Amino acid sequence: MSAETQTELTTAYQVKGMTCGHCEGAVTGEISALPGVSSVTAVAATGAVTVVSVAPLDVEAVRAAVDEAGYELV
């Protein structure tokens, strides 16, 4: 019996409205709660959000998570 290797996907998003570390934390927290998300890196200075997940994410789920945090997915 062999172990299956699961490949993780890295997806980049652009989020409007982040200005500080608190913003980064809010966006990271909401997206991290989505099923299958392994890690999230948000950078307020550029608006870049990088998400690593075990499967493709529904962009509307990501949009809803960003909206819940109080920001806008562009």
Foldseek 3Di string as FASTA:
>chain_A
DDDDDQDKDKDKWAKPDQDDPVLQVQLFVLVCPDPFWDGWGADRVGRIIITIGSDDDDVVSSQVSNVVSPIGTD
